[in-house]
Amino acid sequence: MHDGLQGTGGFSVRWGNMRANLMTVNDVADYLNKPRSWVYGNWKGEQIPFRKVGQVLRCRPSDLGKWLDGRGIN
């Protein structure tokens, strides 16, 4: 399991009483040690679990951890 996956962009969303920190493209790129351009160019093909929030991409840290686990990446 991937601990410490937390968005550093300070972006959080509230759903009722729940609060979720979401990772930005920059957060994901930093975590994966990839350029931001790689993340933008490959998120659909690589099935990185982004969701559109308005017109920007955001990713739940838990979803990114599951994605990495499914790919056999530690």
Protein backbone atom coordinates (compact mmCIF):
# COMPACT_ATOMS: atom_id res chain seq x y z
CA MET A 1 0.00 0.00 0.00
CA HIS A 2 1.20 3.51 -0.67
CA ASP A 3 1.32 5.65 2.44
CA GLY A 4 1.78 9.36 2.42
CA LEU A 5 -0.10 10.04 -0.81
CA GLN A 6 -1.39 13.48 -0.03
CA GLY A 7 -2.05 16.37 -2.31
CA THR A 8 0.46 19.12 -1.72
CA GLY A 9 -1.47 21.65 -3.75
CA GLY A 10 -3.78 22.31 -0.82
CA PHE A 11 -6.86 21.49 -2.86
CA SER A 12 -9.64 19.93 -0.87
CA VAL A 13 -13.30 19.32 -1.53
CA ARG A 14 -16.18 18.92 0.91
CA TRP A 15 -19.08 16.55 0.41
CA GLY A 16 -21.44 17.11 3.30
CA ASN A 17 -19.37 16.39 6.41
CA MET A 18 -16.63 14.62 4.44
CA ARG A 19 -13.48 16.37 3.31
CA ALA A 20 -11.22 14.89 0.66
CA ASN A 21 -7.77 16.11 -0.29
CA LEU A 22 -7.25 15.75 -4.00
CA MET A 23 -3.97 15.60 -5.85
CA THR A 24 -3.24 17.97 -8.70
CA VAL A 25 -1.43 17.00 -11.88
CA ASN A 26 1.71 18.51 -10.35
CA ASP A 27 1.28 16.39 -7.20
CA VAL A 28 0.91 13.21 -9.25
CA ALA A 29 3.88 14.10 -11.45
CA ASP A 30 6.04 14.74 -8.39
CA TYR A 31 4.95 11.51 -6.74
CA LEU A 32 5.58 9.45 -9.88
CA ASN A 33 8.84 11.31 -10.55
CA LYS A 34 7.63 12.13 -14.05
CA PRO A 35 7.38 15.47 -15.85
CA ARG A 36 4.00 17.16 -15.75
CA SER A 37 3.89 16.93 -19.54
CA TRP A 38 4.16 13.12 -19.30
CA VAL A 39 1.22 12.98 -16.90
CA TYR A 40 -0.93 15.18 -19.16
CA GLY A 41 0.07 13.25 -22.27
CA ASN A 42 -0.47 9.80 -20.78
CA TRP A 43 -3.21 9.98 -18.16
CA LYS A 44 -5.88 8.45 -20.40
CA GLY A 45 -3.69 5.79 -22.00
CA GLU A 46 -2.09 4.82 -18.70
CA GLN A 47 -5.48 5.03 -16.98
CA ILE A 48 -4.23 7.27 -14.19
CA PRO A 49 -7.39 7.69 -12.08
CA PHE A 50 -8.01 11.40 -12.61
CA ARG A 51 -11.43 12.96 -12.48
CA LYS A 52 -12.33 16.30 -13.98
CA VAL A 53 -13.33 18.89 -11.41
CA GLY A 54 -14.62 21.72 -13.51
CA GLN A 55 -11.96 21.95 -16.19
CA VAL A 56 -9.02 20.64 -14.16
CA LEU A 57 -7.83 17.12 -13.37
CA ARG A 58 -7.78 15.89 -9.78
CA CYS A 59 -6.94 12.51 -8.30
CA ARG A 60 -7.76 10.97 -4.94
CA PRO A 61 -4.60 9.77 -3.20
CA SER A 62 -6.29 6.44 -2.42
CA ASP A 63 -7.19 5.95 -6.10
CA LEU A 64 -3.60 6.64 -7.15
CA GLY A 65 -2.38 4.10 -4.59
CA LYS A 66 -4.77 1.47 -5.94
CA TRP A 67 -3.68 2.27 -9.50
CA LEU A 68 -0.03 1.80 -8.54
CA ASP A 69 -0.80 -1.44 -6.68
CA GLY A 70 -2.64 -2.76 -9.74
CA ARG A 71 0.40 -2.05 -11.89
CA GLY A 72 2.75 -3.83 -9.50
CA ILE A 73 4.62 -0.63 -8.71
CA ASN A 74 5.95 -0.20 -5.19
